[in-house]
């Protein structure tokens, strides 16, 4: 009985330690207040900068940005936008255990992208 309880506890502890989750994607997030596309771009750029993302590419309607954490973990995303919606999408990563076959990535990526999404939503 005690051995079974310990085994169950060990499995629960192991499950709690698992850090891989499906990567978050924020598709077609609505922009509540009518703004120009330039205003949306500015809001996205400020949000990226405030969260430590570096813009690596910028074209009309799309920004690609990368974050490096402790020189061991990095993620690259694209933020596509119009005057009415924006989308944050995964592009690439290193050191975050991304597994395309399982569709998982380290939970820190999800935290970084969720925080960025909250900042963009607050500014748009």
PDB file of N, CA and C in Angstrom:
ATOM      1  N   UNK A   1       0.823  -1.192   0.000  1.00  0.00           N
ATOM      2  CA  UNK A   1       0.000   0.000   0.000  1.00  0.00           C
ATOM      3  C   UNK A   1       0.870   1.260   0.000  1.00  0.00           C
ATOM      4  N   UNK A   2       1.873   1.271   0.870  1.00  0.00           N
ATOM      5  CA  UNK A   2       2.756   2.427   0.941  1.00  0.00           C
ATOM      6  C   UNK A   2       3.552   2.557  -0.355  1.00  0.00           C
ATOM      7  N   UNK A   3       4.008   1.427  -0.891  1.00  0.00           N
ATOM      8  CA  UNK A   3       4.782   1.449  -2.135  1.00  0.00           C
ATOM      9  C   UNK A   3       3.940   2.005  -3.281  1.00  0.00           C
ATOM     10  N   UNK A   4       2.671   1.616  -3.345  1.00  0.00           N
ATOM     11  CA  UNK A   4       1.777   2.121  -4.386  1.00  0.00           C
ATOM     12  C   UNK A   4       1.582   3.628  -4.245  1.00  0.00           C
ATOM     13  N   UNK A   5       1.430   4.085  -3.013  1.00  0.00           N
ATOM     14  CA  UNK A   5       1.280   5.522  -2.756  1.00  0.00           C
ATOM     15  C   UNK A   5       2.518   6.298  -3.154  1.00  0.00           C
ATOM     16  N   UNK A   6       3.691   5.743  -2.827  1.00  0.00           N
ATOM     17  CA  UNK A   6       4.941   6.401  -3.210  1.00  0.00           C
ATOM     18  C   UNK A   6       5.113   6.432  -4.724  1.00  0.00           C
ATOM     19  N   UNK A   7       4.737   5.357  -5.392  1.00  0.00           N
ATOM     20  CA  UNK A   7       4.830   5.316  -6.848  1.00  0.00           C
ATOM     21  C   UNK A   7       3.906   6.352  -7.474  1.00  0.00           C
ATOM     22  N   UNK A   8       2.699   6.471  -6.952  1.00  0.00           N
ATOM     23  CA  UNK A   8       1.751   7.460  -7.468  1.00  0.00           C
ATOM     24  C   UNK A   8       2.282   8.868  -7.233  1.00  0.00           C
ATOM     25  N   UNK A   9       2.846   9.104  -6.044  1.00  0.00           N
ATOM     26  CA  UNK A   9       3.417  10.420  -5.744  1.00  0.00           C
ATOM     27  C   UNK A   9       4.573  10.737  -6.689  1.00  0.00           C
ATOM     28  N   UNK A  10       5.428   9.753  -6.950  1.00  0.00           N
ATOM     29  CA  UNK A  10       6.566   9.960  -7.852  1.00  0.00           C
ATOM     30  C   UNK A  10       6.093  10.298  -9.261  1.00  0.00           C
ATOM     31  N   UNK A  11       5.055   9.634  -9.733  1.00  0.00           N
ATOM     32  CA  UNK A  11       4.521   9.929 -11.067  1.00  0.00           C
ATOM     33  C   UNK A  11       3.934  11.337 -11.130  1.00  0.00           C
ATOM     34  N   UNK A  12       3.231  11.735 -10.090  1.00  0.00           N
ATOM     35  CA  UNK A  12       2.675  13.091 -10.047  1.00  0.00           C
ATOM     36  C   UNK A  12       3.783  14.135 -10.007  1.00  0.00           C
ATOM     37  N   UNK A  13       4.813  13.865  -9.215  1.00  0.00           N
ATOM     38  CA  UNK A  13       5.938  14.793  -9.144  1.00  0.00           C
ATOM     39  C   UNK A  13       6.632  14.916 -10.490  1.00  0.00           C
ATOM     40  N   UNK A  14       6.811  13.789 -11.174  1.00  0.00           N
ATOM     41  CA  UNK A  14       7.432  13.807 -12.502  1.00  0.00           C
ATOM     42  C   UNK A  14       6.578  14.580 -13.493  1.00  0.00           C
ATOM     43  N   UNK A  15       5.291  14.388 -13.464  1.00  0.00           N
ATOM     44  CA  UNK A  15       4.387  15.103 -14.369  1.00  0.00           C
ATOM     45  C   UNK A  15       4.424  16.601 -14.103  1.00  0.00           C
ATOM     46  N   UNK A  16       4.532  16.987 -12.839  1.00  0.00           N
ATOM     47  CA  UNK A  16       4.579  18.407 -12.496  1.00  0.00           C
ATOM     48  C   UNK A  16       5.863  19.061 -12.988  1.00  0.00           C
ATOM     49  N   UNK A  17       6.931  18.278 -13.102  1.00  0.00           N
ATOM     50  CA  UNK A  17       8.214  18.817 -13.537  1.00  0.00           C
ATOM     51  C   UNK A  17       8.330  18.934 -15.054  1.00  0.00           C
ATOM     52  N   UNK A  18       7.442  18.303 -15.772  1.00  0.00           N
ATOM     53  CA  UNK A  18       7.522  18.357 -17.231  1.00  0.00           C
ATOM     54  C   UNK A  18       7.339  19.804 -17.690  1.00  0.00           C
ATOM     55  N   UNK A  19       8.238  20.234 -18.542  1.00  0.00           N
ATOM     56  CA  UNK A  19       8.210  21.635 -18.949  1.00  0.00           C
ATOM     57  C   UNK A  19       7.772  21.827 -20.392  1.00  0.00           C
ATOM     58  N   UNK A  20       7.567  20.770 -21.128  1.00  0.00           N
ATOM     59  CA  UNK A  20       7.210  20.908 -22.530  1.00  0.00           C
ATOM     60  C   UNK A  20       5.696  20.981 -22.707  1.00  0.00           C
ATOM     61  N   UNK A  21       5.263  21.982 -23.438  1.00  0.00           N
ATOM     62  CA  UNK A  21       3.847  22.217 -23.724  1.00  0.00           C
ATOM     63  C   UNK A  21       3.725  22.564 -25.205  1.00  0.00           C
ATOM     64  N   UNK A  22       2.536  22.497 -25.766  1.00  0.00           N
ATOM     65  CA  UNK A  22       2.366  22.962 -27.147  1.00  0.00           C
ATOM     66  C   UNK A  22       2.675  24.465 -27.224  1.00  0.00           C
ATOM     67  N   UNK A  23       3.381  24.918 -28.264  1.00  0.00           N
ATOM     68  CA  UNK A  23       3.690  26.340 -28.364  1.00  0.00           C
ATOM     69  C   UNK A  23       2.417  27.161 -28.556  1.00  0.00           C
ATOM     70  N   UNK A  24       2.319  28.233 -27.793  1.00  0.00           N
ATOM     71  CA  UNK A  24       1.170  29.121 -27.931  1.00  0.00           C
ATOM     72  C   UNK A  24       1.242  29.871 -29.253  1.00  0.00           C
ATOM     73  N   UNK A  25       0.112  30.056 -29.853  1.00  0.00           N
ATOM     74  CA  UNK A  25      -0.005  30.881 -31.053  1.00  0.00           C
ATOM     75  C   UNK A  25      -1.182  31.821 -30.825  1.00  0.00           C
ATOM     76  N   UNK A  26      -1.000  33.045 -31.163  1.00  0.00           N
ATOM     77  CA  UNK A  26      -2.061  34.032 -31.031  1.00  0.00           C
ATOM     78  C   UNK A  26      -2.425  34.488 -32.438  1.00  0.00           C
ATOM     79  N   UNK A  27      -3.468  33.900 -32.984  1.00  0.00           N
ATOM     80  CA  UNK A  27      -3.864  34.176 -34.364  1.00  0.00           C
ATOM     81  C   UNK A  27      -5.038  35.136 -34.404  1.00  0.00           C
ATOM     82  N   UNK A  28      -4.937  36.104 -35.284  1.00  0.00           N
ATOM     83  CA  UNK A  28      -6.012  37.065 -35.545  1.00  0.00           C
ATOM     84  C   UNK A  28      -6.578  37.678 -34.276  1.00  0.00           C
ATOM     85  N   UNK A  29      -5.669  38.163 -33.437  1.00  0.00           N
ATOM     86  CA  UNK A  29      -6.081  38.857 -32.221  1.00  0.00           C
ATOM     87  C   UNK A  29      -6.709  40.189 -32.612  1.00  0.00           C
ATOM     88  N   UNK A  30      -7.906  40.479 -32.117  1.00  0.00           N
ATOM     89  CA  UNK A  30      -8.572  41.712 -32.539  1.00  0.00           C
ATOM     90  C   UNK A  30      -7.940  42.956 -31.925  1.00  0.00           C
ATOM     91  N   UNK A  31      -7.983  44.011 -32.684  1.00  0.00           N
ATOM     92  CA  UNK A  31      -7.558  45.316 -32.200  1.00  0.00           C
ATOM     93  C   UNK A  31      -8.840  46.091 -31.934  1.00  0.00           C
ATOM     94  N   UNK A  32      -9.074  46.402 -30.653  1.00  0.00           N
ATOM     95  CA  UNK A  32     -10.359  46.932 -30.220  1.00  0.00           C
ATOM     96  C   UNK A  32     -10.649  48.357 -30.684  1.00  0.00           C
ATOM     97  N   UNK A  33      -9.638  49.179 -30.683  1.00  0.00           N
ATOM     98  CA  UNK A  33      -9.837  50.590 -31.034  1.00  0.00           C
ATOM     99  C   UNK A  33      -9.267  50.831 -32.426  1.00  0.00           C
ATOM    100  N   UNK A  34     -10.018  51.511 -33.252  1.00  0.00           N
ATOM    101  CA  UNK A  34      -9.566  51.792 -34.616  1.00  0.00           C
ATOM    102  C   UNK A  34      -8.282  52.627 -34.575  1.00  0.00           C
ATOM    103  N   UNK A  35      -7.233  52.091 -35.183  1.00  0.00           N
ATOM    104  CA  UNK A  35      -5.943  52.776 -35.262  1.00  0.00           C
ATOM    105  C   UNK A  35      -5.367  52.555 -36.648  1.00  0.00           C
ATOM    106  N   UNK A  36      -4.408  53.370 -36.994  1.00  0.00           N
ATOM    107  CA  UNK A  36      -3.747  53.184 -38.279  1.00  0.00           C
ATOM    108  C   UNK A  36      -2.771  52.016 -38.179  1.00  0.00           C
ATOM    109  N   UNK A  37      -2.397  51.500 -39.311  1.00  0.00           N
ATOM    110  CA  UNK A  37      -1.445  50.401 -39.328  1.00  0.00           C
ATOM    111  C   UNK A  37      -0.101  50.859 -38.745  1.00  0.00           C
ATOM    112  N   UNK A  38       0.240  52.122 -38.950  1.00  0.00           N
ATOM    113  CA  UNK A  38       1.481  52.659 -38.379  1.00  0.00           C
ATOM    114  C   UNK A  38       1.416  52.681 -36.853  1.00  0.00           C
ATOM    115  N   UNK A  39       0.250  53.022 -36.302  1.00  0.00           N
ATOM    116  CA  UNK A  39       0.083  52.998 -34.844  1.00  0.00           C
ATOM    117  C   UNK A  39       0.195  51.586 -34.298  1.00  0.00           C
ATOM    118  N   UNK A  40      -0.341  50.615 -35.021  1.00  0.00           N
ATOM    119  CA  UNK A  40      -0.253  49.216 -34.608  1.00  0.00           C
ATOM    120  C   UNK A  40       1.208  48.772 -34.634  1.00  0.00           C
ATOM    121  N   UNK A  41       1.906  49.129 -35.687  1.00  0.00           N
ATOM    122  CA  UNK A  41       3.331  48.780 -35.783  1.00  0.00           C
ATOM    123  C   UNK A  41       4.111  49.359 -34.603  1.00  0.00           C
ATOM    124  N   UNK A  42       3.856  50.604 -34.266  1.00  0.00           N
ATOM    125  CA  UNK A  42       4.539  51.247 -33.146  1.00  0.00           C
ATOM    126  C   UNK A  42       4.237  50.524 -31.837  1.00  0.00           C
ATOM    127  N   UNK A  43       2.987  50.155 -31.626  1.00  0.00           N
ATOM    128  CA  UNK A  43       2.603  49.439 -30.409  1.00  0.00           C
ATOM    129  C   UNK A  43       3.325  48.094 -30.320  1.00  0.00           C
ATOM    130  N   UNK A  44       3.419  47.396 -31.431  1.00  0.00           N
ATOM    131  CA  UNK A  44       4.105  46.101 -31.461  1.00  0.00           C
ATOM    132  C   UNK A  44       5.597  46.286 -31.204  1.00  0.00           C
ATOM    133  N   UNK A  45       6.217  47.256 -31.860  1.00  0.00           N
ATOM    134  CA  UNK A  45       7.648  47.499 -31.684  1.00  0.00           C
ATOM    135  C   UNK A  45       7.976  47.863 -30.238  1.00  0.00           C
ATOM    136  N   UNK A  46       7.163  48.697 -29.622  1.00  0.00           N
ATOM    137  CA  UNK A  46       7.394  49.069 -28.214  1.00  0.00           C
ATOM    138  C   UNK A  46       7.233  47.868 -27.290  1.00  0.00           C
ATOM    139  N   UNK A  47       6.235  47.049 -27.566  1.00  0.00           N
ATOM    140  CA  UNK A  47       6.016  45.852 -26.744  1.00  0.00           C
ATOM    141  C   UNK A  47       7.192  44.894 -26.869  1.00  0.00           C
ATOM    142  N   UNK A  48       7.669  44.692 -28.084  1.00  0.00           N
ATOM    143  CA  UNK A  48       8.832  43.829 -28.305  1.00  0.00           C
ATOM    144  C   UNK A  48      10.048  44.364 -27.546  1.00  0.00           C
ATOM    145  N   UNK A  49      10.297  45.638 -27.683  1.00  0.00           N
ATOM    146  CA  UNK A  49      11.451  46.253 -27.027  1.00  0.00           C
ATOM    147  C   UNK A  49      11.348  46.136 -25.505  1.00  0.00           C
ATOM    148  N   UNK A  50      10.174  46.415 -24.954  1.00  0.00           N
ATOM    149  CA  UNK A  50       9.983  46.350 -23.505  1.00  0.00           C
ATOM    150  C   UNK A  50      10.213  44.951 -22.949  1.00  0.00           C
ATOM    151  N   UNK A  51       9.951  43.924 -23.758  1.00  0.00           N
ATOM    152  CA  UNK A  51      10.111  42.529 -23.318  1.00  0.00           C
ATOM    153  C   UNK A  51      11.461  41.931 -23.706  1.00  0.00           C
ATOM    154  N   UNK A  52      12.334  42.729 -24.320  1.00  0.00           N
ATOM    155  CA  UNK A  52      13.676  42.246 -24.640  1.00  0.00           C
ATOM    156  C   UNK A  52      13.824  41.532 -25.968  1.00  0.00           C
ATOM    157  N   UNK A  53      12.808  41.615 -26.829  1.00  0.00           N
ATOM    158  CA  UNK A  53      12.893  41.018 -28.167  1.00  0.00           C
ATOM    159  C   UNK A  53      13.622  41.997 -29.083  1.00  0.00           C
ATOM    160  N   UNK A  54      14.473  41.486 -29.950  1.00  0.00           N
ATOM    161  CA  UNK A  54      15.189  42.306 -30.927  1.00  0.00           C
ATOM    162  C   UNK A  54      14.600  42.074 -32.309  1.00  0.00           C
ATOM    163  N   UNK A  55      14.273  43.147 -32.988  1.00  0.00           N
ATOM    164  CA  UNK A  55      13.710  43.042 -34.329  1.00  0.00           C
ATOM    165  C   UNK A  55      14.823  42.656 -35.292  1.00  0.00           C
ATOM    166  N   UNK A  56      14.589  41.591 -36.058  1.00  0.00           N
ATOM    167  CA  UNK A  56      15.584  41.126 -37.026  1.00  0.00           C
ATOM    168  C   UNK A  56      15.145  41.394 -38.456  1.00  0.00           C
ATOM    169  N   UNK A  57      13.868  41.648 -38.641  1.00  0.00           N
ATOM    170  CA  UNK A  57      13.333  41.922 -39.981  1.00  0.00           C
ATOM    171  C   UNK A  57      12.034  42.706 -39.812  1.00  0.00           C
ATOM    172  N   UNK A  58      11.856  43.702 -40.667  1.00  0.00           N
ATOM    173  CA  UNK A  58      10.623  44.489 -40.614  1.00  0.00           C
ATOM    174  C   UNK A  58      10.200  44.845 -42.029  1.00  0.00           C
ATOM    175  N   UNK A  59       9.012  44.401 -42.381  1.00  0.00           N
ATOM    176  CA  UNK A  59       8.409  44.750 -43.659  1.00  0.00           C
ATOM    177  C   UNK A  59       6.997  45.232 -43.358  1.00  0.00           C
ATOM    178  N   UNK A  60       6.361  45.907 -44.288  1.00  0.00           N
ATOM    179  CA  UNK A  60       4.992  46.359 -44.016  1.00  0.00           C
ATOM    180  C   UNK A  60       4.077  45.178 -43.656  1.00  0.00           C
ATOM    181  N   UNK A  61       3.477  45.247 -42.473  1.00  0.00           N
ATOM    182  CA  UNK A  61       2.556  44.208 -42.043  1.00  0.00           C
ATOM    183  C   UNK A  61       3.180  43.011 -41.364  1.00  0.00           C
ATOM    184  N   UNK A  62       4.517  43.007 -41.201  1.00  0.00           N
ATOM    185  CA  UNK A  62       5.170  41.843 -40.574  1.00  0.00           C
ATOM    186  C   UNK A  62       6.484  42.253 -39.924  1.00  0.00           C
ATOM    187  N   UNK A  63       6.652  41.770 -38.687  1.00  0.00           N
ATOM    188  CA  UNK A  63       7.886  41.997 -37.936  1.00  0.00           C
ATOM    189  C   UNK A  63       8.386  40.641 -37.454  1.00  0.00           C
ATOM    190  N   UNK A  64       9.670  40.380 -37.657  1.00  0.00           N
ATOM    191  CA  UNK A  64      10.297  39.176 -37.128  1.00  0.00           C
ATOM    192  C   UNK A  64      11.209  39.626 -35.995  1.00  0.00           C
ATOM    193  N   UNK A  65      11.115  38.932 -34.852  1.00  0.00           N
ATOM    194  CA  UNK A  65      11.907  39.315 -33.684  1.00  0.00           C
ATOM    195  C   UNK A  65      12.468  38.087 -33.001  1.00  0.00           C
ATOM    196  N   UNK A  66      13.581  38.302 -32.284  1.00  0.00           N
ATOM    197  CA  UNK A  66      14.271  37.207 -31.600  1.00  0.00           C
ATOM    198  C   UNK A  66      14.580  37.631 -30.172  1.00  0.00           C
ATOM    199  N   UNK A  67      14.484  36.674 -29.263  1.00  0.00           N
ATOM    200  CA  UNK A  67      14.887  36.916 -27.882  1.00  0.00           C
ATOM    201  C   UNK A  67      15.966  35.906 -27.526  1.00  0.00           C
ATOM    202  N   UNK A  68      17.014  36.380 -26.854  1.00  0.00           N
ATOM    203  CA  UNK A  68      18.084  35.520 -26.352  1.00  0.00           C
ATOM    204  C   UNK A  68      18.099  35.643 -24.835  1.00  0.00           C
ATOM    205  N   UNK A  69      18.064  34.516 -24.156  1.00  0.00           N
ATOM    206  CA  UNK A  69      18.051  34.511 -22.701  1.00  0.00           C
ATOM    207  C   UNK A  69      19.276  33.754 -22.201  1.00  0.00           C
ATOM    208  N   UNK A  70      20.104  34.453 -21.449  1.00  0.00           N
ATOM    209  CA  UNK A  70      21.311  33.889 -20.838  1.00  0.00           C
ATOM    210  C   UNK A  70      22.209  33.170 -21.846  1.00  0.00           C
ATOM    211  N   UNK A  71      22.184  33.598 -23.078  1.00  0.00           N
ATOM    212  CA  UNK A  71      23.025  33.026 -24.135  1.00  0.00           C
ATOM    213  C   UNK A  71      22.856  31.512 -24.280  1.00  0.00           C
ATOM    214  N   UNK A  72      21.768  30.957 -23.740  1.00  0.00           N
ATOM    215  CA  UNK A  72      21.511  29.523 -23.859  1.00  0.00           C
ATOM    216  C   UNK A  72      20.188  29.222 -24.528  1.00  0.00           C
ATOM    217  N   UNK A  73      19.264  30.148 -24.456  1.00  0.00           N
ATOM    218  CA  UNK A  73      17.926  29.926 -24.990  1.00  0.00           C
ATOM    219  C   UNK A  73      17.572  31.074 -25.918  1.00  0.00           C
ATOM    220  N   UNK A  74      16.977  30.741 -27.058  1.00  0.00           N
ATOM    221  CA  UNK A  74      16.524  31.797 -27.964  1.00  0.00           C
ATOM    222  C   UNK A  74      15.265  31.335 -28.677  1.00  0.00           C
ATOM    223  N   UNK A  75      14.477  32.323 -29.062  1.00  0.00           N
ATOM    224  CA  UNK A  75      13.259  32.051 -29.817  1.00  0.00           C
ATOM    225  C   UNK A  75      13.083  33.161 -30.837  1.00  0.00           C
ATOM    226  N   UNK A  76      12.559  32.786 -31.994  1.00  0.00           N
ATOM    227  CA  UNK A  76      12.248  33.740 -33.051  1.00  0.00           C
ATOM    228  C   UNK A  76      10.766  33.614 -33.368  1.00  0.00           C
ATOM    229  N   UNK A  77      10.111  34.766 -33.470  1.00  0.00           N
ATOM    230  CA  UNK A  77       8.684  34.812 -33.782  1.00  0.00           C
ATOM    231  C   UNK A  77       8.446  35.787 -34.926  1.00  0.00           C
ATOM    232  N   UNK A  78       7.272  35.680 -35.535  1.00  0.00           N
ATOM    233  CA  UNK A  78       6.843  36.716 -36.473  1.00  0.00           C
ATOM    234  C   UNK A  78       5.535  37.282 -35.941  1.00  0.00           C
ATOM    235  N   UNK A  79       5.389  38.569 -36.110  1.00  0.00           N
ATOM    236  CA  UNK A  79       4.153  39.256 -35.742  1.00  0.00           C
ATOM    237  C   UNK A  79       3.618  39.895 -37.012  1.00  0.00           C
ATOM    238  N   UNK A  80       2.541  39.332 -37.522  1.00  0.00           N
ATOM    239  CA  UNK A  80       1.884  39.879 -38.706  1.00  0.00           C
ATOM    240  C   UNK A  80       0.723  40.737 -38.225  1.00  0.00           C
ATOM    241  N   UNK A  81       0.454  41.838 -38.916  1.00  0.00           N
ATOM    242  CA  UNK A  81      -0.584  42.740 -38.430  1.00  0.00           C
ATOM    243  C   UNK A  81      -1.240  43.525 -39.554  1.00  0.00           C
ATOM    244  N   UNK A  82      -2.471  43.900 -39.273  1.00  0.00           N
ATOM    245  CA  UNK A  82      -3.224  44.828 -40.116  1.00  0.00           C
ATOM    246  C   UNK A  82      -3.753  45.909 -39.173  1.00  0.00           C
ATOM    247  N   UNK A  83      -4.629  46.741 -39.653  1.00  0.00           N
ATOM    248  CA  UNK A  83      -5.216  47.766 -38.794  1.00  0.00           C
ATOM    249  C   UNK A  83      -6.262  47.182 -37.848  1.00  0.00           C
ATOM    250  N   UNK A  84      -6.669  45.927 -38.073  1.00  0.00           N
ATOM    251  CA  UNK A  84      -7.733  45.347 -37.242  1.00  0.00           C
ATOM    252  C   UNK A  84      -7.332  44.091 -36.470  1.00  0.00           C
ATOM    253  N   UNK A  85      -6.232  43.416 -36.859  1.00  0.00           N
ATOM    254  CA  UNK A  85      -5.806  42.195 -36.156  1.00  0.00           C
ATOM    255  C   UNK A  85      -4.284  42.071 -36.168  1.00  0.00           C
ATOM    256  N   UNK A  86      -3.794  41.198 -35.274  1.00  0.00           N
ATOM    257  CA  UNK A  86      -2.382  40.821 -35.308  1.00  0.00           C
ATOM    258  C   UNK A  86      -2.267  39.344 -34.957  1.00  0.00           C
ATOM    259  N   UNK A  87      -1.177  38.738 -35.413  1.00  0.00           N
ATOM    260  CA  UNK A  87      -0.917  37.321 -35.178  1.00  0.00           C
ATOM    261  C   UNK A  87       0.531  37.156 -34.746  1.00  0.00           C
ATOM    262  N   UNK A  88       0.736  36.403 -33.663  1.00  0.00           N
ATOM    263  CA  UNK A  88       2.079  36.061 -33.206  1.00  0.00           C
ATOM    264  C   UNK A  88       2.292  34.584 -33.512  1.00  0.00           C
ATOM    265  N   UNK A  89       3.353  34.268 -34.254  1.00  0.00           N
ATOM    266  CA  UNK A  89       3.597  32.889 -34.667  1.00  0.00           C
ATOM    267  C   UNK A  89       5.043  32.479 -34.387  1.00  0.00           C
ATOM    268  N   UNK A  90       5.210  31.234 -33.995  1.00  0.00           N
ATOM    269  CA  UNK A  90       6.525  30.628 -33.777  1.00  0.00           C
ATOM    270  C   UNK A  90       7.253  30.516 -35.107  1.00  0.00           C
ATOM    271  N   UNK A  91       8.550  30.835 -35.104  1.00  0.00           N
ATOM    272  CA  UNK A  91       9.386  30.665 -36.293  1.00  0.00           C
ATOM    273  C   UNK A  91      10.496  29.649 -36.027  1.00  0.00           C
ATOM    274  N   UNK A  92      11.247  29.848 -34.944  1.00  0.00           N
ATOM    275  CA  UNK A  92      12.397  28.991 -34.670  1.00  0.00           C
ATOM    276  C   UNK A  92      12.811  29.166 -33.209  1.00  0.00           C
ATOM    277  N   UNK A  93      13.637  28.237 -32.726  1.00  0.00           N
ATOM    278  CA  UNK A  93      14.169  28.361 -31.371  1.00  0.00           C
ATOM    279  C   UNK A  93      15.403  27.492 -31.214  1.00  0.00           C
ATOM    280  N   UNK A  94      16.152  27.753 -30.153  1.00  0.00           N
ATOM    281  CA  UNK A  94      17.252  26.869 -29.771  1.00  0.00           C
ATOM    282  C   UNK A  94      17.307  26.837 -28.248  1.00  0.00           C
ATOM    283  N   UNK A  95      17.637  25.667 -27.732  1.00  0.00           N
ATOM    284  CA  UNK A  95      17.728  25.502 -26.294  1.00  0.00           C
ATOM    285  C   UNK A  95      16.387  25.455 -25.588  1.00  0.00           C
ATOM    286  N   UNK A  96      15.300  25.333 -26.332  1.00  0.00           N
ATOM    287  CA  UNK A  96      13.961  25.304 -25.738  1.00  0.00           C
ATOM    288  C   UNK A  96      13.255  23.967 -25.984  1.00  0.00           C
ATOM    289  N   UNK A  97      14.005  22.959 -26.357  1.00  0.00           N
ATOM    290  CA  UNK A  97      13.476  21.606 -26.522  1.00  0.00           C
ATOM    291  C   UNK A  97      12.278  21.534 -27.469  1.00  0.00           C
ATOM    292  N   UNK A  98      12.303  22.322 -28.536  1.00  0.00           N
ATOM    293  CA  UNK A  98      11.203  22.259 -29.493  1.00  0.00           C
ATOM    294  C   UNK A  98      11.219  20.904 -30.183  1.00  0.00           C
ATOM    295  N   UNK A  99      10.056  20.267 -30.223  1.00  0.00           N
ATOM    296  CA  UNK A  99       9.909  18.966 -30.873  1.00  0.00           C
ATOM    297  C   UNK A  99       8.746  19.074 -31.858  1.00  0.00           C
ATOM    298  N   UNK A 100       9.070  19.176 -33.137  1.00  0.00           N
ATOM    299  CA  UNK A 100       8.037  19.352 -34.168  1.00  0.00           C
ATOM    300  C   UNK A 100       7.117  18.141 -34.257  1.00  0.00           C
ATOM    301  N   UNK A 101       7.639  16.944 -34.027  1.00  0.00           N
ATOM    302  CA  UNK A 101       6.791  15.756 -34.133  1.00  0.00           C
ATOM    303  C   UNK A 101       5.783  15.680 -32.993  1.00  0.00           C
ATOM    304  N   UNK A 102       6.182  16.079 -31.813  1.00  0.00           N
ATOM    305  CA  UNK A 102       5.264  16.087 -30.672  1.00  0.00           C
ATOM    306  C   UNK A 102       4.483  17.393 -30.570  1.00  0.00           C
ATOM    307  N   UNK A 103       4.991  18.430 -31.242  1.00  0.00           N
ATOM    308  CA  UNK A 103       4.350  19.735 -31.158  1.00  0.00           C
ATOM    309  C   UNK A 103       4.508  20.367 -29.792  1.00  0.00           C
ATOM    310  N   UNK A 104       5.720  20.242 -29.201  1.00  0.00           N
ATOM    311  CA  UNK A 104       5.952  20.787 -27.865  1.00  0.00           C
ATOM    312  C   UNK A 104       7.173  21.690 -27.836  1.00  0.00           C
ATOM    313  N   UNK A 105       7.195  22.551 -26.823  1.00  0.00           N
ATOM    314  CA  UNK A 105       8.320  23.454 -26.584  1.00  0.00           C
ATOM    315  C   UNK A 105       8.356  23.755 -25.090  1.00  0.00           C
ATOM    316  N   UNK A 106       9.489  24.200 -24.603  1.00  0.00           N
ATOM    317  CA  UNK A 106       9.629  24.533 -23.186  1.00  0.00           C
ATOM    318  C   UNK A 106       8.605  25.595 -22.793  1.00  0.00           C
ATOM    319  N   UNK A 107       8.068  25.461 -21.605  1.00  0.00           N
ATOM    320  CA  UNK A 107       6.993  26.372 -21.179  1.00  0.00           C
ATOM    321  C   UNK A 107       7.435  27.831 -21.091  1.00  0.00           C
ATOM    322  N   UNK A 108       8.729  28.097 -20.970  1.00  0.00           N
ATOM    323  CA  UNK A 108       9.179  29.488 -20.928  1.00  0.00           C
ATOM    324  C   UNK A 108       8.839  30.234 -22.213  1.00  0.00           C
ATOM    325  N   UNK A 109       8.923  29.535 -23.340  1.00  0.00           N
ATOM    326  CA  UNK A 109       8.538  30.170 -24.609  1.00  0.00           C
ATOM    327  C   UNK A 109       7.099  30.670 -24.514  1.00  0.00           C
ATOM    328  N   UNK A 110       6.219  29.827 -24.007  1.00  0.00           N
ATOM    329  CA  UNK A 110       4.807  30.217 -23.894  1.00  0.00           C
ATOM    330  C   UNK A 110       4.638  31.415 -22.968  1.00  0.00           C
ATOM    331  N   UNK A 111       5.404  31.448 -21.896  1.00  0.00           N
ATOM    332  CA  UNK A 111       5.323  32.594 -20.978  1.00  0.00           C
ATOM    333  C   UNK A 111       5.789  33.870 -21.678  1.00  0.00           C
ATOM    334  N   UNK A 112       6.898  33.795 -22.405  1.00  0.00           N
ATOM    335  CA  UNK A 112       7.412  34.972 -23.103  1.00  0.00           C
ATOM    336  C   UNK A 112       6.407  35.495 -24.114  1.00  0.00           C
ATOM    337  N   UNK A 113       5.815  34.581 -24.884  1.00  0.00           N
ATOM    338  CA  UNK A 113       4.876  34.993 -25.934  1.00  0.00           C
ATOM    339  C   UNK A 113       3.563  35.487 -25.327  1.00  0.00           C
ATOM    340  N   UNK A 114       3.102  34.860 -24.256  1.00  0.00           N
ATOM    341  CA  UNK A 114       1.871  35.315 -23.597  1.00  0.00           C
ATOM    342  C   UNK A 114       2.060  36.723 -23.015  1.00  0.00           C
ATOM    343  N   UNK A 115       3.214  36.971 -22.407  1.00  0.00           N
ATOM    344  CA  UNK A 115       3.490  38.311 -21.878  1.00  0.00           C
ATOM    345  C   UNK A 115       3.536  39.340 -23.005  1.00  0.00           C
ATOM    346  N   UNK A 116       4.170  38.973 -24.102  1.00  0.00           N
ATOM    347  CA  UNK A 116       4.217  39.877 -25.257  1.00  0.00           C
ATOM    348  C   UNK A 116       2.813  40.150 -25.777  1.00  0.00           C
ATOM    349  N   UNK A 117       2.009  39.113 -25.914  1.00  0.00           N
ATOM    350  CA  UNK A 117       0.643  39.284 -26.385  1.00  0.00           C
ATOM    351  C   UNK A 117      -0.141  40.231 -25.469  1.00  0.00           C
ATOM    352  N   UNK A 118       0.010  40.068 -24.164  1.00  0.00           N
ATOM    353  CA  UNK A 118      -0.686  40.949 -23.221  1.00  0.00           C
ATOM    354  C   UNK A 118      -0.252  42.399 -23.406  1.00  0.00           C
ATOM    355  N   UNK A 119       1.037  42.611 -23.616  1.00  0.00           N
ATOM    356  CA  UNK A 119       1.527  43.974 -23.817  1.00  0.00           C
ATOM    357  C   UNK A 119       0.977  44.591 -25.109  1.00  0.00           C
ATOM    358  N   UNK A 120       0.994  43.815 -26.177  1.00  0.00           N
ATOM    359  CA  UNK A 120       0.469  44.332 -27.452  1.00  0.00           C
ATOM    360  C   UNK A 120      -1.007  44.636 -27.314  1.00  0.00           C
ATOM    361  N   UNK A 121      -1.766  43.731 -26.701  1.00  0.00           N
ATOM    362  CA  UNK A 121      -3.196  43.947 -26.525  1.00  0.00           C
ATOM    363  C   UNK A 121      -3.475  45.200 -25.703  1.00  0.00           C
ATOM    364  N   UNK A 122      -2.663  45.467 -24.704  1.00  0.00           N
ATOM    365  CA  UNK A 122      -2.861  46.651 -23.868  1.00  0.00           C
ATOM    366  C   UNK A 122      -2.565  47.949 -24.632  1.00  0.00           C
ATOM    367  N   UNK A 123      -1.693  47.855 -25.634  1.00  0.00           N
ATOM    368  CA  UNK A 123      -1.308  49.062 -26.393  1.00  0.00           C
ATOM    369  C   UNK A 123      -2.170  49.288 -27.631  1.00  0.00           C
ATOM    370  N   UNK A 124      -2.950  48.299 -28.024  1.00  0.00           N
ATOM    371  CA  UNK A 124      -3.731  48.459 -29.257  1.00  0.00           C
ATOM    372  C   UNK A 124      -5.202  48.645 -28.969  1.00  0.00           C
TER     373      UNK A 124
END
